[in-house]
PDB file of N, CA and C in Angstrom:
ATOM      1  N   UNK A   1     124.461 131.063 151.948  1.00  0.00           N
ATOM      2  CA  UNK A   1     122.900 130.571 151.777  1.00  0.00           C
ATOM      3  C   UNK A   1     123.038 129.041 151.643  1.00  0.00           C
ATOM      4  N   UNK A   2     121.786 128.764 152.683  1.00  0.00           N
ATOM      5  CA  UNK A   2     121.596 127.371 152.263  1.00  0.00           C
ATOM      6  C   UNK A   2     120.510 126.820 151.209  1.00  0.00           C
ATOM      7  N   UNK A   3     121.064 125.939 150.581  1.00  0.00           N
ATOM      8  CA  UNK A   3     120.666 125.703 148.966  1.00  0.00           C
ATOM      9  C   UNK A   3     119.950 124.821 148.964  1.00  0.00           C
ATOM     10  N   UNK A   4     118.824 124.198 148.623  1.00  0.00           N
ATOM     11  CA  UNK A   4     118.368 122.797 148.500  1.00  0.00           C
ATOM     12  C   UNK A   4     118.547 122.343 146.943  1.00  0.00           C
ATOM     13  N   UNK A   5     119.200 121.263 146.845  1.00  0.00           N
ATOM     14  CA  UNK A   5     119.095 120.763 145.343  1.00  0.00           C
ATOM     15  C   UNK A   5     117.820 120.121 144.885  1.00  0.00           C
ATOM     16  N   UNK A   6     117.284 120.675 143.678  1.00  0.00           N
ATOM     17  CA  UNK A   6     116.076 119.860 143.092  1.00  0.00           C
ATOM     18  C   UNK A   6     116.846 118.746 142.262  1.00  0.00           C
ATOM     19  N   UNK A   7     116.092 117.477 142.415  1.00  0.00           N
ATOM     20  CA  UNK A   7     116.940 116.475 141.719  1.00  0.00           C
ATOM     21  C   UNK A   7     117.458 116.349 140.825  1.00  0.00           C
ATOM     22  N   UNK A   8     116.619 117.270 139.818  1.00  0.00           N
ATOM     23  CA  UNK A   8     117.056 117.013 138.123  1.00  0.00           C
ATOM     24  C   UNK A   8     118.814 118.217 138.480  1.00  0.00           C
ATOM     25  N   UNK A   9     118.797 118.977 139.363  1.00  0.00           N
ATOM     26  CA  UNK A   9     119.995 119.817 139.567  1.00  0.00           C
ATOM     27  C   UNK A   9     120.978 118.844 139.889  1.00  0.00           C
ATOM     28  N   UNK A  10     120.484 118.239 140.934  1.00  0.00           N
ATOM     29  CA  UNK A  10     121.646 117.097 141.880  1.00  0.00           C
ATOM     30  C   UNK A  10     122.278 116.213 140.594  1.00  0.00           C
ATOM     31  N   UNK A  11     121.407 115.580 139.778  1.00  0.00           N
ATOM     32  CA  UNK A  11     121.809 114.789 138.508  1.00  0.00           C
ATOM     33  C   UNK A  11     123.089 115.476 137.613  1.00  0.00           C
ATOM     34  N   UNK A  12     122.089 116.717 137.325  1.00  0.00           N
ATOM     35  CA  UNK A  12     123.046 117.349 136.392  1.00  0.00           C
ATOM     36  C   UNK A  12     124.347 117.861 136.682  1.00  0.00           C
ATOM     37  N   UNK A  13     124.660 118.508 138.287  1.00  0.00           N
ATOM     38  CA  UNK A  13     125.785 118.570 138.724  1.00  0.00           C
ATOM     39  C   UNK A  13     126.658 117.481 138.529  1.00  0.00           C
ATOM     40  N   UNK A  14     126.135 116.342 139.110  1.00  0.00           N
ATOM     41  CA  UNK A  14     126.950 115.042 139.209  1.00  0.00           C
ATOM     42  C   UNK A  14     127.746 114.623 137.962  1.00  0.00           C
ATOM     43  N   UNK A  15     126.852 114.649 136.959  1.00  0.00           N
ATOM     44  CA  UNK A  15     127.426 114.501 135.631  1.00  0.00           C
ATOM     45  C   UNK A  15     127.630 115.726 134.882  1.00  0.00           C
ATOM     46  N   UNK A  16     127.909 116.533 135.073  1.00  0.00           N
ATOM     47  CA  UNK A  16     128.379 117.778 134.677  1.00  0.00           C
ATOM     48  C   UNK A  16     127.610 118.036 133.055  1.00  0.00           C
ATOM     49  N   UNK A  17     126.158 117.695 133.258  1.00  0.00           N
ATOM     50  CA  UNK A  17     125.443 118.059 132.139  1.00  0.00           C
ATOM     51  C   UNK A  17     125.386 119.618 132.016  1.00  0.00           C
ATOM     52  N   UNK A  18     125.388 119.829 130.641  1.00  0.00           N
ATOM     53  CA  UNK A  18     125.644 121.379 130.089  1.00  0.00           C
ATOM     54  C   UNK A  18     123.912 121.768 130.798  1.00  0.00           C
ATOM     55  N   UNK A  19     123.137 121.127 130.668  1.00  0.00           N
ATOM     56  CA  UNK A  19     121.838 121.576 130.772  1.00  0.00           C
ATOM     57  C   UNK A  19     121.977 122.559 132.195  1.00  0.00           C
ATOM     58  N   UNK A  20     122.878 122.372 132.987  1.00  0.00           N
ATOM     59  CA  UNK A  20     122.766 123.080 134.457  1.00  0.00           C
ATOM     60  C   UNK A  20     123.544 124.206 134.126  1.00  0.00           C
ATOM     61  N   UNK A  21     122.501 125.332 134.190  1.00  0.00           N
ATOM     62  CA  UNK A  21     122.991 126.813 133.474  1.00  0.00           C
ATOM     63  C   UNK A  21     124.243 127.270 134.753  1.00  0.00           C
ATOM     64  N   UNK A  22     125.123 127.827 133.815  1.00  0.00           N
ATOM     65  CA  UNK A  22     126.446 128.645 134.714  1.00  0.00           C
ATOM     66  C   UNK A  22     126.345 129.496 135.857  1.00  0.00           C
ATOM     67  N   UNK A  23     125.043 129.981 136.019  1.00  0.00           N
ATOM     68  CA  UNK A  23     124.652 130.715 137.158  1.00  0.00           C
ATOM     69  C   UNK A  23     124.045 129.417 138.250  1.00  0.00           C
ATOM     70  N   UNK A  24     124.094 128.472 138.161  1.00  0.00           N
ATOM     71  CA  UNK A  24     123.744 127.449 139.317  1.00  0.00           C
ATOM     72  C   UNK A  24     124.584 126.708 139.419  1.00  0.00           C
ATOM     73  N   UNK A  25     125.843 126.538 138.283  1.00  0.00           N
ATOM     74  CA  UNK A  25     126.994 125.776 138.998  1.00  0.00           C
ATOM     75  C   UNK A  25     127.820 126.932 139.385  1.00  0.00           C
ATOM     76  N   UNK A  26     127.808 128.167 139.689  1.00  0.00           N
ATOM     77  CA  UNK A  26     128.517 128.888 140.549  1.00  0.00           C
ATOM     78  C   UNK A  26     127.818 128.714 141.949  1.00  0.00           C
ATOM     79  N   UNK A  27     126.422 128.919 141.948  1.00  0.00           N
ATOM     80  CA  UNK A  27     126.059 129.078 143.203  1.00  0.00           C
ATOM     81  C   UNK A  27     126.541 127.378 144.151  1.00  0.00           C
ATOM     82  N   UNK A  28     126.424 126.357 143.386  1.00  0.00           N
ATOM     83  CA  UNK A  28     126.791 124.987 144.020  1.00  0.00           C
ATOM     84  C   UNK A  28     128.139 124.962 144.154  1.00  0.00           C
ATOM     85  N   UNK A  29     129.024 125.801 143.341  1.00  0.00           N
ATOM     86  CA  UNK A  29     130.336 125.584 143.836  1.00  0.00           C
ATOM     87  C   UNK A  29     130.971 126.323 144.729  1.00  0.00           C
ATOM     88  N   UNK A  30     129.931 127.493 145.312  1.00  0.00           N
ATOM     89  CA  UNK A  30     130.781 128.322 145.937  1.00  0.00           C
ATOM     90  C   UNK A  30     130.573 128.003 147.376  1.00  0.00           C
ATOM     91  N   UNK A  31     131.865 128.000 147.936  1.00  0.00           N
ATOM     92  CA  UNK A  31     132.036 127.205 149.449  1.00  0.00           C
ATOM     93  C   UNK A  31     131.439 127.678 150.448  1.00  0.00           C
ATOM     94  N   UNK A  32     130.752 129.062 150.339  1.00  0.00           N
ATOM     95  CA  UNK A  32     129.674 130.023 150.973  1.00  0.00           C
ATOM     96  C   UNK A  32     128.772 129.287 151.276  1.00  0.00           C
ATOM     97  N   UNK A  33     128.129 128.631 150.659  1.00  0.00           N
ATOM     98  CA  UNK A  33     126.687 127.742 150.394  1.00  0.00           C
ATOM     99  C   UNK A  33     126.731 126.860 150.741  1.00  0.00           C
ATOM    100  N   UNK A  34     125.805 126.379 151.751  1.00  0.00           N
ATOM    101  CA  UNK A  34     125.792 125.097 152.363  1.00  0.00           C
ATOM    102  C   UNK A  34     124.492 124.311 151.301  1.00  0.00           C
ATOM    103  N   UNK A  35     125.195 123.180 150.593  1.00  0.00           N
ATOM    104  CA  UNK A  35     124.096 122.834 149.869  1.00  0.00           C
ATOM    105  C   UNK A  35     123.609 121.427 150.480  1.00  0.00           C
ATOM    106  N   UNK A  36     122.471 121.373 150.482  1.00  0.00           N
ATOM    107  CA  UNK A  36     121.602 120.280 150.993  1.00  0.00           C
ATOM    108  C   UNK A  36     120.930 119.300 149.994  1.00  0.00           C
ATOM    109  N   UNK A  37     120.973 118.167 150.212  1.00  0.00           N
ATOM    110  CA  UNK A  37     120.245 117.287 148.952  1.00  0.00           C
ATOM    111  C   UNK A  37     119.421 116.279 149.989  1.00  0.00           C
ATOM    112  N   UNK A  38     118.039 116.602 149.668  1.00  0.00           N
ATOM    113  CA  UNK A  38     117.249 115.740 150.679  1.00  0.00           C
ATOM    114  C   UNK A  38     117.144 114.077 149.917  1.00  0.00           C
ATOM    115  N   UNK A  39     116.908 113.361 151.251  1.00  0.00           N
ATOM    116  CA  UNK A  39     116.562 111.810 150.911  1.00  0.00           C
ATOM    117  C   UNK A  39     115.370 111.601 150.010  1.00  0.00           C
ATOM    118  N   UNK A  40     114.674 112.602 149.926  1.00  0.00           N
ATOM    119  CA  UNK A  40     113.291 112.788 148.952  1.00  0.00           C
ATOM    120  C   UNK A  40     114.384 112.580 147.535  1.00  0.00           C
ATOM    121  N   UNK A  41     114.976 113.180 147.122  1.00  0.00           N
ATOM    122  CA  UNK A  41     115.849 113.213 145.943  1.00  0.00           C
ATOM    123  C   UNK A  41     116.542 111.850 145.560  1.00  0.00           C
ATOM    124  N   UNK A  42     116.990 111.455 146.862  1.00  0.00           N
ATOM    125  CA  UNK A  42     117.541 110.037 146.577  1.00  0.00           C
ATOM    126  C   UNK A  42     116.353 108.994 146.361  1.00  0.00           C
ATOM    127  N   UNK A  43     115.278 108.772 147.018  1.00  0.00           N
ATOM    128  CA  UNK A  43     113.761 108.340 146.904  1.00  0.00           C
ATOM    129  C   UNK A  43     113.704 108.388 145.607  1.00  0.00           C
ATOM    130  N   UNK A  44     113.362 109.544 144.561  1.00  0.00           N
ATOM    131  CA  UNK A  44     112.882 109.759 143.484  1.00  0.00           C
ATOM    132  C   UNK A  44     113.699 109.056 142.719  1.00  0.00           C
ATOM    133  N   UNK A  45     115.291 109.132 142.590  1.00  0.00           N
ATOM    134  CA  UNK A  45     116.277 108.552 141.959  1.00  0.00           C
ATOM    135  C   UNK A  45     116.215 106.926 141.980  1.00  0.00           C
ATOM    136  N   UNK A  46     115.825 106.344 143.255  1.00  0.00           N
ATOM    137  CA  UNK A  46     115.792 104.967 142.880  1.00  0.00           C
ATOM    138  C   UNK A  46     114.431 104.490 142.694  1.00  0.00           C
ATOM    139  N   UNK A  47     113.346 105.235 142.534  1.00  0.00           N
ATOM    140  CA  UNK A  47     112.058 105.007 142.113  1.00  0.00           C
ATOM    141  C   UNK A  47     112.022 105.218 140.519  1.00  0.00           C
ATOM    142  N   UNK A  48     112.804 106.085 139.884  1.00  0.00           N
ATOM    143  CA  UNK A  48     113.441 105.969 138.454  1.00  0.00           C
ATOM    144  C   UNK A  48     114.154 105.501 137.878  1.00  0.00           C
ATOM    145  N   UNK A  49     114.929 104.437 138.587  1.00  0.00           N
ATOM    146  CA  UNK A  49     115.873 103.761 138.295  1.00  0.00           C
ATOM    147  C   UNK A  49     115.215 102.275 138.310  1.00  0.00           C
ATOM    148  N   UNK A  50     114.240 101.780 139.379  1.00  0.00           N
ATOM    149  CA  UNK A  50     113.280 100.514 139.340  1.00  0.00           C
ATOM    150  C   UNK A  50     112.640 100.521 137.812  1.00  0.00           C
ATOM    151  N   UNK A  51     111.818 101.739 137.803  1.00  0.00           N
ATOM    152  CA  UNK A  51     110.782 101.672 136.526  1.00  0.00           C
ATOM    153  C   UNK A  51     111.673 101.844 135.349  1.00  0.00           C
ATOM    154  N   UNK A  52     112.933 102.207 135.577  1.00  0.00           N
ATOM    155  CA  UNK A  52     113.627 101.851 133.739  1.00  0.00           C
ATOM    156  C   UNK A  52     113.363 103.487 133.188  1.00  0.00           C
ATOM    157  N   UNK A  53     113.560 104.524 134.158  1.00  0.00           N
ATOM    158  CA  UNK A  53     113.556 106.155 133.491  1.00  0.00           C
ATOM    159  C   UNK A  53     114.708 106.373 133.789  1.00  0.00           C
ATOM    160  N   UNK A  54     115.474 106.045 134.466  1.00  0.00           N
ATOM    161  CA  UNK A  54     117.062 106.546 134.898  1.00  0.00           C
ATOM    162  C   UNK A  54     117.743 105.209 134.684  1.00  0.00           C
ATOM    163  N   UNK A  55     119.110 105.330 134.151  1.00  0.00           N
ATOM    164  CA  UNK A  55     119.835 104.476 134.325  1.00  0.00           C
ATOM    165  C   UNK A  55     121.158 105.060 135.163  1.00  0.00           C
ATOM    166  N   UNK A  56     121.357 104.856 136.236  1.00  0.00           N
ATOM    167  CA  UNK A  56     122.113 105.507 137.423  1.00  0.00           C
ATOM    168  C   UNK A  56     122.775 104.372 138.554  1.00  0.00           C
ATOM    169  N   UNK A  57     123.400 104.614 139.121  1.00  0.00           N
ATOM    170  CA  UNK A  57     124.334 103.876 140.392  1.00  0.00           C
ATOM    171  C   UNK A  57     124.076 104.607 141.214  1.00  0.00           C
ATOM    172  N   UNK A  58     123.197 103.731 142.069  1.00  0.00           N
ATOM    173  CA  UNK A  58     123.163 104.533 143.692  1.00  0.00           C
ATOM    174  C   UNK A  58     124.171 104.463 144.745  1.00  0.00           C
ATOM    175  N   UNK A  59     125.083 103.896 144.257  1.00  0.00           N
ATOM    176  CA  UNK A  59     126.295 103.733 145.252  1.00  0.00           C
ATOM    177  C   UNK A  59     127.307 104.951 144.858  1.00  0.00           C
ATOM    178  N   UNK A  60     127.207 104.831 143.588  1.00  0.00           N
ATOM    179  CA  UNK A  60     128.124 106.185 143.315  1.00  0.00           C
ATOM    180  C   UNK A  60     127.496 107.491 143.351  1.00  0.00           C
ATOM    181  N   UNK A  61     125.961 107.634 142.743  1.00  0.00           N
ATOM    182  CA  UNK A  61     125.731 109.029 143.192  1.00  0.00           C
ATOM    183  C   UNK A  61     125.799 109.299 144.984  1.00  0.00           C
ATOM    184  N   UNK A  62     125.526 108.319 145.903  1.00  0.00           N
ATOM    185  CA  UNK A  62     125.749 108.559 147.154  1.00  0.00           C
ATOM    186  C   UNK A  62     127.073 109.111 147.844  1.00  0.00           C
ATOM    187  N   UNK A  63     128.197 108.317 147.044  1.00  0.00           N
ATOM    188  CA  UNK A  63     129.381 108.596 147.161  1.00  0.00           C
ATOM    189  C   UNK A  63     130.010 109.950 146.682  1.00  0.00           C
ATOM    190  N   UNK A  64     129.340 110.270 145.662  1.00  0.00           N
ATOM    191  CA  UNK A  64     129.663 111.609 145.105  1.00  0.00           C
ATOM    192  C   UNK A  64     129.089 112.870 145.805  1.00  0.00           C
ATOM    193  N   UNK A  65     127.836 112.647 146.458  1.00  0.00           N
ATOM    194  CA  UNK A  65     127.172 113.240 147.324  1.00  0.00           C
ATOM    195  C   UNK A  65     128.092 113.609 148.437  1.00  0.00           C
ATOM    196  N   UNK A  66     128.488 112.534 148.865  1.00  0.00           N
ATOM    197  CA  UNK A  66     129.704 112.854 150.057  1.00  0.00           C
ATOM    198  C   UNK A  66     130.964 113.497 149.855  1.00  0.00           C
ATOM    199  N   UNK A  67     131.261 112.969 148.681  1.00  0.00           N
ATOM    200  CA  UNK A  67     132.741 113.535 148.220  1.00  0.00           C
ATOM    201  C   UNK A  67     132.349 114.842 147.847  1.00  0.00           C
ATOM    202  N   UNK A  68     131.183 115.779 147.461  1.00  0.00           N
ATOM    203  CA  UNK A  68     131.116 116.731 147.289  1.00  0.00           C
ATOM    204  C   UNK A  68     130.625 117.861 148.250  1.00  0.00           C
ATOM    205  N   UNK A  69     130.836 116.939 149.485  1.00  0.00           N
ATOM    206  CA  UNK A  69     130.017 117.670 150.977  1.00  0.00           C
ATOM    207  C   UNK A  69     128.909 117.993 151.009  1.00  0.00           C
ATOM    208  N   UNK A  70     128.017 117.583 150.306  1.00  0.00           N
ATOM    209  CA  UNK A  70     126.835 117.655 150.102  1.00  0.00           C
ATOM    210  C   UNK A  70     126.078 117.435 151.669  1.00  0.00           C
ATOM    211  N   UNK A  71     125.425 118.208 152.430  1.00  0.00           N
ATOM    212  CA  UNK A  71     124.487 117.522 153.315  1.00  0.00           C
ATOM    213  C   UNK A  71     123.079 116.985 153.067  1.00  0.00           C
ATOM    214  N   UNK A  72     123.423 115.909 153.547  1.00  0.00           N
ATOM    215  CA  UNK A  72     121.493 115.159 153.637  1.00  0.00           C
ATOM    216  C   UNK A  72     120.885 115.651 154.249  1.00  0.00           C
ATOM    217  N   UNK A  73     119.452 115.973 153.865  1.00  0.00           N
ATOM    218  CA  UNK A  73     117.904 116.168 154.466  1.00  0.00           C
ATOM    219  C   UNK A  73     117.266 115.285 154.825  1.00  0.00           C
ATOM    220  N   UNK A  74     117.082 114.922 156.064  1.00  0.00           N
ATOM    221  CA  UNK A  74     115.818 114.063 156.123  1.00  0.00           C
ATOM    222  C   UNK A  74     114.425 114.424 156.015  1.00  0.00           C
ATOM    223  N   UNK A  75     113.437 113.558 155.970  1.00  0.00           N
ATOM    224  CA  UNK A  75     112.162 114.206 156.019  1.00  0.00           C
ATOM    225  C   UNK A  75     111.625 114.267 157.429  1.00  0.00           C
ATOM    226  N   UNK A  76     110.970 115.421 157.760  1.00  0.00           N
ATOM    227  CA  UNK A  76     110.531 115.371 159.372  1.00  0.00           C
ATOM    228  C   UNK A  76     109.486 115.904 159.256  1.00  0.00           C
ATOM    229  N   UNK A  77     108.854 115.885 160.753  1.00  0.00           N
ATOM    230  CA  UNK A  77     107.221 115.977 160.726  1.00  0.00           C
ATOM    231  C   UNK A  77     107.119 117.647 159.710  1.00  0.00           C
ATOM    232  N   UNK A  78     107.958 118.130 160.302  1.00  0.00           N
ATOM    233  CA  UNK A  78     107.395 119.740 160.224  1.00  0.00           C
ATOM    234  C   UNK A  78     107.709 119.997 158.575  1.00  0.00           C
ATOM    235  N   UNK A  79     108.182 119.390 157.895  1.00  0.00           N
ATOM    236  CA  UNK A  79     107.793 119.395 156.264  1.00  0.00           C
ATOM    237  C   UNK A  79     106.510 118.628 155.815  1.00  0.00           C
ATOM    238  N   UNK A  80     106.191 117.227 156.499  1.00  0.00           N
ATOM    239  CA  UNK A  80     105.099 116.816 156.436  1.00  0.00           C
ATOM    240  C   UNK A  80     103.950 117.950 156.389  1.00  0.00           C
ATOM    241  N   UNK A  81     104.239 118.191 157.763  1.00  0.00           N
ATOM    242  CA  UNK A  81     102.693 119.222 158.113  1.00  0.00           C
ATOM    243  C   UNK A  81     102.485 120.454 157.281  1.00  0.00           C
ATOM    244  N   UNK A  82     103.824 120.830 156.537  1.00  0.00           N
ATOM    245  CA  UNK A  82     104.086 122.073 155.529  1.00  0.00           C
ATOM    246  C   UNK A  82     103.309 121.896 154.308  1.00  0.00           C
ATOM    247  N   UNK A  83     103.337 120.608 153.816  1.00  0.00           N
ATOM    248  CA  UNK A  83     103.266 119.831 152.662  1.00  0.00           C
ATOM    249  C   UNK A  83     101.763 119.748 152.694  1.00  0.00           C
ATOM    250  N   UNK A  84     101.103 119.266 153.691  1.00  0.00           N
ATOM    251  CA  UNK A  84      99.242 119.372 153.778  1.00  0.00           C
ATOM    252  C   UNK A  84      98.636 120.850 153.483  1.00  0.00           C
ATOM    253  N   UNK A  85      99.839 121.959 153.285  1.00  0.00           N
ATOM    254  CA  UNK A  85      99.143 123.286 153.480  1.00  0.00           C
ATOM    255  C   UNK A  85      99.713 124.070 151.818  1.00  0.00           C
ATOM    256  N   UNK A  86     100.054 122.941 151.179  1.00  0.00           N
ATOM    257  CA  UNK A  86     100.713 123.237 149.858  1.00  0.00           C
ATOM    258  C   UNK A  86      99.695 123.323 148.359  1.00  0.00           C
ATOM    259  N   UNK A  87      99.579 124.015 148.105  1.00  0.00           N
ATOM    260  CA  UNK A  87      98.570 123.726 146.636  1.00  0.00           C
ATOM    261  C   UNK A  87      99.237 122.875 145.787  1.00  0.00           C
ATOM    262  N   UNK A  88      98.264 122.197 145.039  1.00  0.00           N
ATOM    263  CA  UNK A  88      99.070 121.203 143.821  1.00  0.00           C
ATOM    264  C   UNK A  88      98.950 121.876 142.070  1.00  0.00           C
ATOM    265  N   UNK A  89     100.014 122.843 142.389  1.00  0.00           N
ATOM    266  CA  UNK A  89      99.920 123.295 140.861  1.00  0.00           C
ATOM    267  C   UNK A  89     100.645 122.371 139.618  1.00  0.00           C
ATOM    268  N   UNK A  90     101.125 121.491 140.393  1.00  0.00           N
ATOM    269  CA  UNK A  90     101.517 120.510 139.457  1.00  0.00           C
ATOM    270  C   UNK A  90     101.507 119.223 140.135  1.00  0.00           C
ATOM    271  N   UNK A  91     101.606 117.709 139.210  1.00  0.00           N
ATOM    272  CA  UNK A  91     101.658 116.824 139.948  1.00  0.00           C
ATOM    273  C   UNK A  91     102.478 115.850 140.639  1.00  0.00           C
ATOM    274  N   UNK A  92     103.864 116.437 140.705  1.00  0.00           N
ATOM    275  CA  UNK A  92     104.653 115.427 140.972  1.00  0.00           C
ATOM    276  C   UNK A  92     104.864 115.510 142.851  1.00  0.00           C
ATOM    277  N   UNK A  93     104.755 114.545 143.069  1.00  0.00           N
ATOM    278  CA  UNK A  93     104.617 114.273 144.636  1.00  0.00           C
ATOM    279  C   UNK A  93     106.189 114.850 145.207  1.00  0.00           C
ATOM    280  N   UNK A  94     107.404 114.280 144.553  1.00  0.00           N
ATOM    281  CA  UNK A  94     108.390 114.594 144.990  1.00  0.00           C
ATOM    282  C   UNK A  94     108.582 116.345 145.183  1.00  0.00           C
ATOM    283  N   UNK A  95     108.499 116.532 144.134  1.00  0.00           N
ATOM    284  CA  UNK A  95     108.699 118.074 144.289  1.00  0.00           C
ATOM    285  C   UNK A  95     107.953 119.007 145.208  1.00  0.00           C
ATOM    286  N   UNK A  96     106.646 118.352 145.334  1.00  0.00           N
ATOM    287  CA  UNK A  96     105.807 119.054 146.400  1.00  0.00           C
ATOM    288  C   UNK A  96     106.415 118.548 148.310  1.00  0.00           C
ATOM    289  N   UNK A  97     107.110 117.787 147.747  1.00  0.00           N
ATOM    290  CA  UNK A  97     107.936 117.338 149.372  1.00  0.00           C
ATOM    291  C   UNK A  97     109.446 118.116 149.467  1.00  0.00           C
ATOM    292  N   UNK A  98     109.759 118.228 148.465  1.00  0.00           N
ATOM    293  CA  UNK A  98     111.058 118.987 148.435  1.00  0.00           C
ATOM    294  C   UNK A  98     110.721 120.331 148.639  1.00  0.00           C
ATOM    295  N   UNK A  99     109.558 121.071 148.015  1.00  0.00           N
ATOM    296  CA  UNK A  99     109.375 122.674 148.391  1.00  0.00           C
ATOM    297  C   UNK A  99     108.949 122.713 150.033  1.00  0.00           C
ATOM    298  N   UNK A 100     108.076 121.538 150.113  1.00  0.00           N
ATOM    299  CA  UNK A 100     107.848 121.860 151.597  1.00  0.00           C
ATOM    300  C   UNK A 100     109.068 121.651 152.436  1.00  0.00           C
ATOM    301  N   UNK A 101     110.200 121.149 152.308  1.00  0.00           N
ATOM    302  CA  UNK A 101     111.291 121.281 153.065  1.00  0.00           C
ATOM    303  C   UNK A 101     111.907 122.284 152.853  1.00  0.00           C
ATOM    304  N   UNK A 102     112.083 122.894 151.523  1.00  0.00           N
ATOM    305  CA  UNK A 102     112.759 124.278 151.378  1.00  0.00           C
ATOM    306  C   UNK A 102     112.256 125.203 152.529  1.00  0.00           C
ATOM    307  N   UNK A 103     110.729 125.546 152.330  1.00  0.00           N
ATOM    308  CA  UNK A 103     110.021 126.266 153.138  1.00  0.00           C
ATOM    309  C   UNK A 103     110.729 126.237 154.445  1.00  0.00           C
ATOM    310  N   UNK A 104     110.460 124.818 155.116  1.00  0.00           N
ATOM    311  CA  UNK A 104     111.050 124.494 156.788  1.00  0.00           C
ATOM    312  C   UNK A 104     111.578 124.706 157.144  1.00  0.00           C
ATOM    313  N   UNK A 105     113.094 124.465 156.029  1.00  0.00           N
ATOM    314  CA  UNK A 105     114.386 124.657 156.361  1.00  0.00           C
ATOM    315  C   UNK A 105     114.997 126.049 156.204  1.00  0.00           C
ATOM    316  N   UNK A 106     114.092 126.755 155.726  1.00  0.00           N
ATOM    317  CA  UNK A 106     114.291 127.775 155.097  1.00  0.00           C
ATOM    318  C   UNK A 106     115.528 128.310 154.159  1.00  0.00           C
ATOM    319  N   UNK A 107     115.409 127.441 153.211  1.00  0.00           N
ATOM    320  CA  UNK A 107     116.458 127.014 152.192  1.00  0.00           C
ATOM    321  C   UNK A 107     115.777 127.705 150.964  1.00  0.00           C
ATOM    322  N   UNK A 108     116.652 127.988 150.354  1.00  0.00           N
ATOM    323  CA  UNK A 108     116.569 128.320 148.660  1.00  0.00           C
ATOM    324  C   UNK A 108     116.552 126.925 147.889  1.00  0.00           C
ATOM    325  N   UNK A 109     115.223 126.983 147.124  1.00  0.00           N
ATOM    326  CA  UNK A 109     115.140 125.991 146.135  1.00  0.00           C
ATOM    327  C   UNK A 109     115.498 125.954 145.030  1.00  0.00           C
ATOM    328  N   UNK A 110     116.721 125.442 144.373  1.00  0.00           N
ATOM    329  CA  UNK A 110     117.543 125.689 143.045  1.00  0.00           C
ATOM    330  C   UNK A 110     117.012 124.335 142.129  1.00  0.00           C
ATOM    331  N   UNK A 111     116.371 125.168 141.180  1.00  0.00           N
ATOM    332  CA  UNK A 111     115.215 124.484 140.470  1.00  0.00           C
ATOM    333  C   UNK A 111     115.241 124.906 139.037  1.00  0.00           C
ATOM    334  N   UNK A 112     115.175 124.418 137.760  1.00  0.00           N
ATOM    335  CA  UNK A 112     114.781 124.876 136.663  1.00  0.00           C
ATOM    336  C   UNK A 112     113.065 124.102 135.930  1.00  0.00           C
ATOM    337  N   UNK A 113     112.411 123.771 137.480  1.00  0.00           N
ATOM    338  CA  UNK A 113     110.950 123.525 136.920  1.00  0.00           C
ATOM    339  C   UNK A 113     110.407 124.810 137.093  1.00  0.00           C
ATOM    340  N   UNK A 114     109.776 125.338 135.816  1.00  0.00           N
ATOM    341  CA  UNK A 114     108.967 126.502 135.735  1.00  0.00           C
ATOM    342  C   UNK A 114     107.714 126.394 136.775  1.00  0.00           C
ATOM    343  N   UNK A 115     107.233 125.561 137.367  1.00  0.00           N
ATOM    344  CA  UNK A 115     106.420 125.168 138.093  1.00  0.00           C
ATOM    345  C   UNK A 115     106.510 125.611 139.493  1.00  0.00           C
ATOM    346  N   UNK A 116     107.740 125.626 139.711  1.00  0.00           N
ATOM    347  CA  UNK A 116     108.100 125.618 141.295  1.00  0.00           C
ATOM    348  C   UNK A 116     108.100 126.830 141.517  1.00  0.00           C
ATOM    349  N   UNK A 117     108.197 127.811 141.118  1.00  0.00           N
ATOM    350  CA  UNK A 117     107.730 129.307 141.124  1.00  0.00           C
ATOM    351  C   UNK A 117     106.332 129.766 141.799  1.00  0.00           C
ATOM    352  N   UNK A 118     105.628 128.911 141.389  1.00  0.00           N
ATOM    353  CA  UNK A 118     104.328 129.006 141.624  1.00  0.00           C
ATOM    354  C   UNK A 118     103.983 128.835 143.571  1.00  0.00           C
ATOM    355  N   UNK A 119     105.247 128.375 143.804  1.00  0.00           N
ATOM    356  CA  UNK A 119     104.744 127.757 145.377  1.00  0.00           C
ATOM    357  C   UNK A 119     105.253 129.041 146.274  1.00  0.00           C
ATOM    358  N   UNK A 120     105.169 128.968 147.409  1.00  0.00           N
ATOM    359  CA  UNK A 120     105.622 129.885 148.078  1.00  0.00           C
ATOM    360  C   UNK A 120     106.944 129.787 149.009  1.00  0.00           C
ATOM    361  N   UNK A 121     108.180 129.450 148.075  1.00  0.00           N
ATOM    362  CA  UNK A 121     109.131 129.192 148.567  1.00  0.00           C
ATOM    363  C   UNK A 121     110.457 130.216 147.956  1.00  0.00           C
ATOM    364  N   UNK A 122     111.287 130.244 148.198  1.00  0.00           N
ATOM    365  CA  UNK A 122     112.567 130.896 147.814  1.00  0.00           C
ATOM    366  C   UNK A 122     112.628 129.945 146.812  1.00  0.00           C
ATOM    367  N   UNK A 123     112.727 130.523 145.850  1.00  0.00           N
ATOM    368  CA  UNK A 123     112.786 129.707 144.533  1.00  0.00           C
ATOM    369  C   UNK A 123     114.228 130.101 143.708  1.00  0.00           C
ATOM    370  N   UNK A 124     115.305 129.392 143.433  1.00  0.00           N
ATOM    371  CA  UNK A 124     116.526 130.187 142.642  1.00  0.00           C
ATOM    372  C   UNK A 124     116.470 129.332 141.053  1.00  0.00           C
ATOM    373  N   UNK A 125     115.742 129.828 140.230  1.00  0.00           N
ATOM    374  CA  UNK A 125     115.554 129.176 139.119  1.00  0.00           C
ATOM    375  C   UNK A 125     116.477 129.572 137.974  1.00  0.00           C
ATOM    376  N   UNK A 126     117.892 128.895 138.276  1.00  0.00           N
ATOM    377  CA  UNK A 126     119.163 129.308 137.203  1.00  0.00           C
ATOM    378  C   UNK A 126     119.078 128.491 136.330  1.00  0.00           C
TER     379      UNK A 126
END
């Protein structure tokens, strides 16, 4: 199964944070799953670092993504087109684009954000 990680899920996985539920850990650790990290998540992390909402090292994060064997997902025109059709159930523009990517990539979106289930994407909210 192709699984797109929400930004918080990525950070929790890399930090071995206990907020990440066991079911989500199992999905990410399963070698049969294709784990995808969007450039959108990396952009969100950089923005949060720059405004002081997150203390993290982008080099460490990018090295860890590569070490984990996660695949990077670029922003495509298809995802931007899909984004224009999505309702705005909440105000997070990063989540909106991640959801559009999950839809266009036919990937399950792994998130613990309860607002995500309101969108027309396959959501794994573990």
